[in-house]
Amino acid sequence: MYVQAMVRECDFSNRKYDVPVMGAMAVSRGASGRYCPVMFVGPEILAENNCTPLTEEEAYAKIKLNGDGYADF
């Protein structure tokens, strides 16, 4: 899932930003049940792919609803 976050770089485009910009974290569940960021996404990639990331609150609620792990972001 993609979760809103201020990011300093985009792992998809290898772009670095001079100041943090509103982008997203790509969050994934690991074998231990921990949901954590695995990549950072810049705003241009979100726009190109018409992707609206979840807010942190929405992501926490989704993880709780799934009942299969815990958030660590």
PDB file of N, CA and C in Angstrom:
ATOM      1  N   MET A   1       0.844  -1.163   0.000  1.00  0.00           N
ATOM      2  CA  MET A   1       0.000   0.000   0.000  1.00  0.00           C
ATOM      3  C   MET A   1       0.895   1.233   0.000  1.00  0.00           C
ATOM      4  N   TYR A   2       0.372   2.320  -0.485  1.00  0.00           N
ATOM      5  CA  TYR A   2       1.096   3.589  -0.475  1.00  0.00           C
ATOM      6  C   TYR A   2       0.517   4.484   0.614  1.00  0.00           C
ATOM      7  N   VAL A   3       1.410   5.048   1.430  1.00  0.00           N
ATOM      8  CA  VAL A   3       1.006   5.884   2.551  1.00  0.00           C
ATOM      9  C   VAL A   3       1.674   7.250   2.409  1.00  0.00           C
ATOM     10  N   GLN A   4       0.889   8.314   2.537  1.00  0.00           N
ATOM     11  CA  GLN A   4       1.419   9.680   2.427  1.00  0.00           C
ATOM     12  C   GLN A   4       2.611   9.879   3.356  1.00  0.00           C
ATOM     13  N   ALA A   5       3.623  10.564   2.835  1.00  0.00           N
ATOM     14  CA  ALA A   5       4.799  10.868   3.653  1.00  0.00           C
ATOM     15  C   ALA A   5       5.609  11.961   2.991  1.00  0.00           C
ATOM     16  N   MET A   6       6.333  12.690   3.807  1.00  0.00           N
ATOM     17  CA  MET A   6       7.312  13.636   3.282  1.00  0.00           C
ATOM     18  C   MET A   6       8.555  12.819   2.920  1.00  0.00           C
ATOM     19  N   VAL A   7       9.007  12.952   1.676  1.00  0.00           N
ATOM     20  CA  VAL A   7      10.140  12.154   1.212  1.00  0.00           C
ATOM     21  C   VAL A   7      11.264  13.058   0.704  1.00  0.00           C
ATOM     22  N   ARG A   8      12.488  12.589   0.823  1.00  0.00           N
ATOM     23  CA  ARG A   8      13.656  13.328   0.337  1.00  0.00           C
ATOM     24  C   ARG A   8      14.188  12.748  -0.963  1.00  0.00           C
ATOM     25  N   GLU A   9      13.646  11.590  -1.369  1.00  0.00           N
ATOM     26  CA  GLU A   9      14.087  10.951  -2.605  1.00  0.00           C
ATOM     27  C   GLU A   9      12.986  10.044  -3.129  1.00  0.00           C
ATOM     28  N   CYS A  10      13.111   9.700  -4.408  1.00  0.00           N
ATOM     29  CA  CYS A  10      12.172   8.780  -5.038  1.00  0.00           C
ATOM     30  C   CYS A  10      12.963   7.563  -5.513  1.00  0.00           C
ATOM     31  N   ASP A  11      12.645   6.402  -4.963  1.00  0.00           N
ATOM     32  CA  ASP A  11      13.343   5.178  -5.350  1.00  0.00           C
ATOM     33  C   ASP A  11      12.968   4.715  -6.752  1.00  0.00           C
ATOM     34  N   PHE A  12      11.816   5.139  -7.257  1.00  0.00           N
ATOM     35  CA  PHE A  12      11.382   4.722  -8.582  1.00  0.00           C
ATOM     36  C   PHE A  12      12.095   5.484  -9.691  1.00  0.00           C
ATOM     37  N   SER A  13      12.399   6.762  -9.448  1.00  0.00           N
ATOM     38  CA  SER A  13      13.044   7.584 -10.479  1.00  0.00           C
ATOM     39  C   SER A  13      14.489   7.945 -10.127  1.00  0.00           C
ATOM     40  N   ASN A  14      14.954   7.528  -8.951  1.00  0.00           N
ATOM     41  CA  ASN A  14      16.297   7.875  -8.451  1.00  0.00           C
ATOM     42  C   ASN A  14      16.487   9.379  -8.300  1.00  0.00           C
ATOM     43  N   ARG A  15      15.389  10.109  -8.133  1.00  0.00           N
ATOM     44  CA  ARG A  15      15.469  11.558  -7.981  1.00  0.00           C
ATOM     45  C   ARG A  15      15.659  11.923  -6.513  1.00  0.00           C
ATOM     46  N   LYS A  16      16.501  12.905  -6.269  1.00  0.00           N
ATOM     47  CA  LYS A  16      16.726  13.439  -4.926  1.00  0.00           C
ATOM     48  C   LYS A  16      16.122  14.846  -4.883  1.00  0.00           C
ATOM     49  N   TYR A  17      15.503  15.203  -3.754  1.00  0.00           N
ATOM     50  CA  TYR A  17      14.885  16.516  -3.601  1.00  0.00           C
ATOM     51  C   TYR A  17      15.704  17.348  -2.624  1.00  0.00           C
ATOM     52  N   ASP A  18      15.823  18.641  -2.911  1.00  0.00           N
ATOM     53  CA  ASP A  18      16.580  19.542  -2.036  1.00  0.00           C
ATOM     54  C   ASP A  18      15.932  19.679  -0.665  1.00  0.00           C
ATOM     55  N   VAL A  19      14.623  19.649  -0.650  1.00  0.00           N
ATOM     56  CA  VAL A  19      13.853  19.721   0.598  1.00  0.00           C
ATOM     57  C   VAL A  19      12.817  18.601   0.553  1.00  0.00           C
ATOM     58  N   PRO A  20      12.333  18.141   1.692  1.00  0.00           N
ATOM     59  CA  PRO A  20      11.304  17.095   1.675  1.00  0.00           C
ATOM     60  C   PRO A  20      10.051  17.557   0.934  1.00  0.00           C
ATOM     61  N   VAL A  21       9.466  16.648   0.167  1.00  0.00           N
ATOM     62  CA  VAL A  21       8.245  16.922  -0.600  1.00  0.00           C
ATOM     63  C   VAL A  21       7.198  15.883  -0.225  1.00  0.00           C
ATOM     64  N   MET A  22       5.920  16.226  -0.441  1.00  0.00           N
ATOM     65  CA  MET A  22       4.859  15.280  -0.136  1.00  0.00           C
ATOM     66  C   MET A  22       4.820  14.197  -1.210  1.00  0.00           C
ATOM     67  N   GLY A  23       5.118  13.006  -0.800  1.00  0.00           N
ATOM     68  CA  GLY A  23       5.089  11.844  -1.678  1.00  0.00           C
ATOM     69  C   GLY A  23       4.430  10.712  -0.913  1.00  0.00           C
ATOM     70  N   ALA A  24       5.076   9.543  -0.961  1.00  0.00           N
ATOM     71  CA  ALA A  24       4.503   8.393  -0.260  1.00  0.00           C
ATOM     72  C   ALA A  24       5.582   7.376   0.080  1.00  0.00           C
ATOM     73  N   MET A  25       5.231   6.534   1.033  1.00  0.00           N
ATOM     74  CA  MET A  25       6.032   5.358   1.350  1.00  0.00           C
ATOM     75  C   MET A  25       5.301   4.164   0.745  1.00  0.00           C
ATOM     76  N   ALA A  26       6.041   3.273   0.092  1.00  0.00           N
ATOM     77  CA  ALA A  26       5.477   1.988  -0.302  1.00  0.00           C
ATOM     78  C   ALA A  26       5.651   1.090   0.913  1.00  0.00           C
ATOM     79  N   VAL A  27       4.556   0.660   1.495  1.00  0.00           N
ATOM     80  CA  VAL A  27       4.576  -0.107   2.740  1.00  0.00           C
ATOM     81  C   VAL A  27       4.194  -1.548   2.426  1.00  0.00           C
ATOM     82  N   SER A  28       4.961  -2.470   3.003  1.00  0.00           N
ATOM     83  CA  SER A  28       4.713  -3.884   2.775  1.00  0.00           C
ATOM     84  C   SER A  28       4.793  -4.647   4.085  1.00  0.00           C
ATOM     85  N   ARG A  29       4.117  -5.783   4.142  1.00  0.00           N
ATOM     86  CA  ARG A  29       4.136  -6.630   5.330  1.00  0.00           C
ATOM     87  C   ARG A  29       5.250  -7.658   5.192  1.00  0.00           C
ATOM     88  N   GLY A  30       6.094  -7.733   6.189  1.00  0.00           N
ATOM     89  CA  GLY A  30       7.158  -8.720   6.208  1.00  0.00           C
ATOM     90  C   GLY A  30       6.694 -10.014   6.866  1.00  0.00           C
ATOM     91  N   ALA A  31       7.564 -11.019   6.859  1.00  0.00           N
ATOM     92  CA  ALA A  31       7.235 -12.336   7.422  1.00  0.00           C
ATOM     93  C   ALA A  31       6.928 -12.264   8.914  1.00  0.00           C
ATOM     94  N   SER A  32       7.493 -11.287   9.610  1.00  0.00           N
ATOM     95  CA  SER A  32       7.249 -11.155  11.051  1.00  0.00           C
ATOM     96  C   SER A  32       5.892 -10.531  11.362  1.00  0.00           C
ATOM     97  N   GLY A  33       5.207 -10.010  10.323  1.00  0.00           N
ATOM     98  CA  GLY A  33       3.926  -9.339  10.518  1.00  0.00           C
ATOM     99  C   GLY A  33       4.048  -7.833  10.600  1.00  0.00           C
ATOM    100  N   ARG A  34       5.274  -7.339  10.500  1.00  0.00           N
ATOM    101  CA  ARG A  34       5.500  -5.891  10.589  1.00  0.00           C
ATOM    102  C   ARG A  34       5.280  -5.239   9.229  1.00  0.00           C
ATOM    103  N   TYR A  35       4.440  -4.217   9.207  1.00  0.00           N
ATOM    104  CA  TYR A  35       4.243  -3.406   8.009  1.00  0.00           C
ATOM    105  C   TYR A  35       5.216  -2.231   8.094  1.00  0.00           C
ATOM    106  N   CYS A  36       6.117  -2.102   7.127  1.00  0.00           N
ATOM    107  CA  CYS A  36       7.096  -1.016   7.168  1.00  0.00           C
ATOM    108  C   CYS A  36       7.391  -0.529   5.751  1.00  0.00           C
ATOM    109  N   PRO A  37       7.961   0.680   5.637  1.00  0.00           N
ATOM    110  CA  PRO A  37       8.292   1.228   4.323  1.00  0.00           C
ATOM    111  C   PRO A  37       9.399   0.413   3.662  1.00  0.00           C
ATOM    112  N   VAL A  38       9.218   0.146   2.380  1.00  0.00           N
ATOM    113  CA  VAL A  38      10.247  -0.562   1.622  1.00  0.00           C
ATOM    114  C   VAL A  38      10.810   0.300   0.495  1.00  0.00           C
ATOM    115  N   MET A  39      10.067   1.328   0.082  1.00  0.00           N
ATOM    116  CA  MET A  39      10.515   2.253  -0.952  1.00  0.00           C
ATOM    117  C   MET A  39       9.842   3.600  -0.725  1.00  0.00           C
ATOM    118  N   PHE A  40      10.447   4.641  -1.266  1.00  0.00           N
ATOM    119  CA  PHE A  40       9.867   5.983  -1.208  1.00  0.00           C
ATOM    120  C   PHE A  40       9.480   6.424  -2.609  1.00  0.00           C
ATOM    121  N   VAL A  41       8.350   7.105  -2.705  1.00  0.00           N
ATOM    122  CA  VAL A  41       7.770   7.481  -3.995  1.00  0.00           C
ATOM    123  C   VAL A  41       7.631   8.992  -4.068  1.00  0.00           C
ATOM    124  N   GLY A  42       8.136   9.580  -5.143  1.00  0.00           N
ATOM    125  CA  GLY A  42       8.030  11.020  -5.347  1.00  0.00           C
ATOM    126  C   GLY A  42       6.673  11.410  -5.909  1.00  0.00           C
ATOM    127  N   PRO A  43       6.326  12.689  -5.789  1.00  0.00           N
ATOM    128  CA  PRO A  43       5.008  13.156  -6.240  1.00  0.00           C
ATOM    129  C   PRO A  43       4.804  12.998  -7.747  1.00  0.00           C
ATOM    130  N   GLU A  44       5.877  13.090  -8.523  1.00  0.00           N
ATOM    131  CA  GLU A  44       5.726  12.953  -9.981  1.00  0.00           C
ATOM    132  C   GLU A  44       5.326  11.531 -10.363  1.00  0.00           C
ATOM    133  N   ILE A  45       5.817  10.534  -9.666  1.00  0.00           N
ATOM    134  CA  ILE A  45       5.449   9.144  -9.942  1.00  0.00           C
ATOM    135  C   ILE A  45       4.004   8.893  -9.528  1.00  0.00           C
ATOM    136  N   LEU A  46       3.599   9.443  -8.386  1.00  0.00           N
ATOM    137  CA  LEU A  46       2.201   9.318  -7.962  1.00  0.00           C
ATOM    138  C   LEU A  46       1.274   9.929  -9.004  1.00  0.00           C
ATOM    139  N   ALA A  47       1.628  11.124  -9.499  1.00  0.00           N
ATOM    140  CA  ALA A  47       0.797  11.812 -10.493  1.00  0.00           C
ATOM    141  C   ALA A  47       0.744  11.037 -11.810  1.00  0.00           C
ATOM    142  N   GLU A  48       1.898  10.553 -12.271  1.00  0.00           N
ATOM    143  CA  GLU A  48       1.947   9.796 -13.532  1.00  0.00           C
ATOM    144  C   GLU A  48       1.067   8.553 -13.483  1.00  0.00           C
ATOM    145  N   ASN A  49       0.954   7.963 -12.309  1.00  0.00           N
ATOM    146  CA  ASN A  49       0.204   6.722 -12.154  1.00  0.00           C
ATOM    147  C   ASN A  49      -1.170   6.924 -11.526  1.00  0.00           C
ATOM    148  N   ASN A  50      -1.577   8.201 -11.406  1.00  0.00           N
ATOM    149  CA  ASN A  50      -2.896   8.541 -10.866  1.00  0.00           C
ATOM    150  C   ASN A  50      -3.154   7.809  -9.544  1.00  0.00           C
ATOM    151  N   CYS A  51      -2.166   7.860  -8.658  1.00  0.00           N
ATOM    152  CA  CYS A  51      -2.216   7.154  -7.383  1.00  0.00           C
ATOM    153  C   CYS A  51      -2.434   8.134  -6.238  1.00  0.00           C
ATOM    154  N   THR A  52      -3.429   7.860  -5.423  1.00  0.00           N
ATOM    155  CA  THR A  52      -3.688   8.654  -4.229  1.00  0.00           C
ATOM    156  C   THR A  52      -3.348   7.793  -3.017  1.00  0.00           C
ATOM    157  N   PRO A  53      -2.254   8.115  -2.325  1.00  0.00           N
ATOM    158  CA  PRO A  53      -1.870   7.292  -1.171  1.00  0.00           C
ATOM    159  C   PRO A  53      -2.824   7.464   0.000  1.00  0.00           C
ATOM    160  N   LEU A  54      -2.838   6.460   0.858  1.00  0.00           N
ATOM    161  CA  LEU A  54      -3.626   6.519   2.082  1.00  0.00           C
ATOM    162  C   LEU A  54      -2.983   7.481   3.068  1.00  0.00           C
ATOM    163  N   THR A  55      -3.775   8.046   3.951  1.00  0.00           N
ATOM    164  CA  THR A  55      -3.205   8.793   5.069  1.00  0.00           C
ATOM    165  C   THR A  55      -2.678   7.761   6.065  1.00  0.00           C
ATOM    166  N   GLU A  56      -1.850   8.201   7.007  1.00  0.00           N
ATOM    167  CA  GLU A  56      -1.358   7.270   8.027  1.00  0.00           C
ATOM    168  C   GLU A  56      -2.521   6.659   8.797  1.00  0.00           C
ATOM    169  N   GLU A  57      -3.524   7.465   9.132  1.00  0.00           N
ATOM    170  CA  GLU A  57      -4.667   6.976   9.883  1.00  0.00           C
ATOM    171  C   GLU A  57      -5.414   5.897   9.103  1.00  0.00           C
ATOM    172  N   GLU A  58      -5.613   6.123   7.806  1.00  0.00           N
ATOM    173  CA  GLU A  58      -6.280   5.122   6.968  1.00  0.00           C
ATOM    174  C   GLU A  58      -5.463   3.836   6.892  1.00  0.00           C
ATOM    175  N   ALA A  59      -4.147   3.975   6.783  1.00  0.00           N
ATOM    176  CA  ALA A  59      -3.276   2.799   6.705  1.00  0.00           C
ATOM    177  C   ALA A  59      -3.317   2.006   8.006  1.00  0.00           C
ATOM    178  N   TYR A  60      -3.236   2.700   9.158  1.00  0.00           N
ATOM    179  CA  TYR A  60      -3.318   2.020  10.454  1.00  0.00           C
ATOM    180  C   TYR A  60      -4.637   1.258  10.574  1.00  0.00           C
ATOM    181  N   ALA A  61      -5.726   1.902  10.145  1.00  0.00           N
ATOM    182  CA  ALA A  61      -7.046   1.261  10.223  1.00  0.00           C
ATOM    183  C   ALA A  61      -7.102   0.028   9.328  1.00  0.00           C
ATOM    184  N   LYS A  62      -6.525   0.110   8.144  1.00  0.00           N
ATOM    185  CA  LYS A  62      -6.523  -1.020   7.215  1.00  0.00           C
ATOM    186  C   LYS A  62      -5.726  -2.192   7.792  1.00  0.00           C
ATOM    187  N   ILE A  63      -4.586  -1.899   8.388  1.00  0.00           N
ATOM    188  CA  ILE A  63      -3.756  -2.948   8.991  1.00  0.00           C
ATOM    189  C   ILE A  63      -4.502  -3.598  10.160  1.00  0.00           C
ATOM    190  N   LYS A  64      -5.144  -2.772  10.976  1.00  0.00           N
ATOM    191  CA  LYS A  64      -5.902  -3.295  12.112  1.00  0.00           C
ATOM    192  C   LYS A  64      -7.054  -4.171  11.625  1.00  0.00           C
ATOM    193  N   LEU A  65      -7.735  -3.725  10.567  1.00  0.00           N
ATOM    194  CA  LEU A  65      -8.848  -4.485  10.008  1.00  0.00           C
ATOM    195  C   LEU A  65      -8.382  -5.838   9.484  1.00  0.00           C
ATOM    196  N   ASN A  66      -7.191  -5.862   8.834  1.00  0.00           N
ATOM    197  CA  ASN A  66      -6.649  -7.119   8.321  1.00  0.00           C
ATOM    198  C   ASN A  66      -6.325  -8.079   9.465  1.00  0.00           C
ATOM    199  N   GLY A  67      -5.903  -7.519  10.601  1.00  0.00           N
ATOM    200  CA  GLY A  67      -5.626  -8.336  11.776  1.00  0.00           C
ATOM    201  C   GLY A  67      -4.452  -9.283  11.627  1.00  0.00           C
ATOM    202  N   ASP A  68      -3.533  -8.976  10.723  1.00  0.00           N
ATOM    203  CA  ASP A  68      -2.432  -9.905  10.468  1.00  0.00           C
ATOM    204  C   ASP A  68      -1.051  -9.298  10.698  1.00  0.00           C
ATOM    205  N   GLY A  69      -0.967  -8.236  11.480  1.00  0.00           N
ATOM    206  CA  GLY A  69       0.332  -7.643  11.714  1.00  0.00           C
ATOM    207  C   GLY A  69       0.212  -6.320  12.434  1.00  0.00           C
ATOM    208  N   TYR A  70       1.297  -5.555  12.413  1.00  0.00           N
ATOM    209  CA  TYR A  70       1.320  -4.265  13.086  1.00  0.00           C
ATOM    210  C   TYR A  70       2.121  -3.272  12.258  1.00  0.00           C
ATOM    211  N   ALA A  71       1.772  -1.994  12.427  1.00  0.00           N
ATOM    212  CA  ALA A  71       2.417  -0.918  11.672  1.00  0.00           C
ATOM    213  C   ALA A  71       3.697  -0.472  12.360  1.00  0.00           C
ATOM    214  N   ASP A  72       4.718  -0.218  11.562  1.00  0.00           N
ATOM    215  CA  ASP A  72       5.983   0.290  12.074  1.00  0.00           C
ATOM    216  C   ASP A  72       6.487   1.387  11.135  1.00  0.00           C
ATOM    217  N   PHE A  73       5.713   2.460  11.067  1.00  0.00           N
ATOM    218  CA  PHE A  73       6.103   3.616  10.239  1.00  0.00           C
ATOM    219  C   PHE A  73       5.555   4.876  10.838  1.00  0.00           C
TER     220      PHE A  73
END
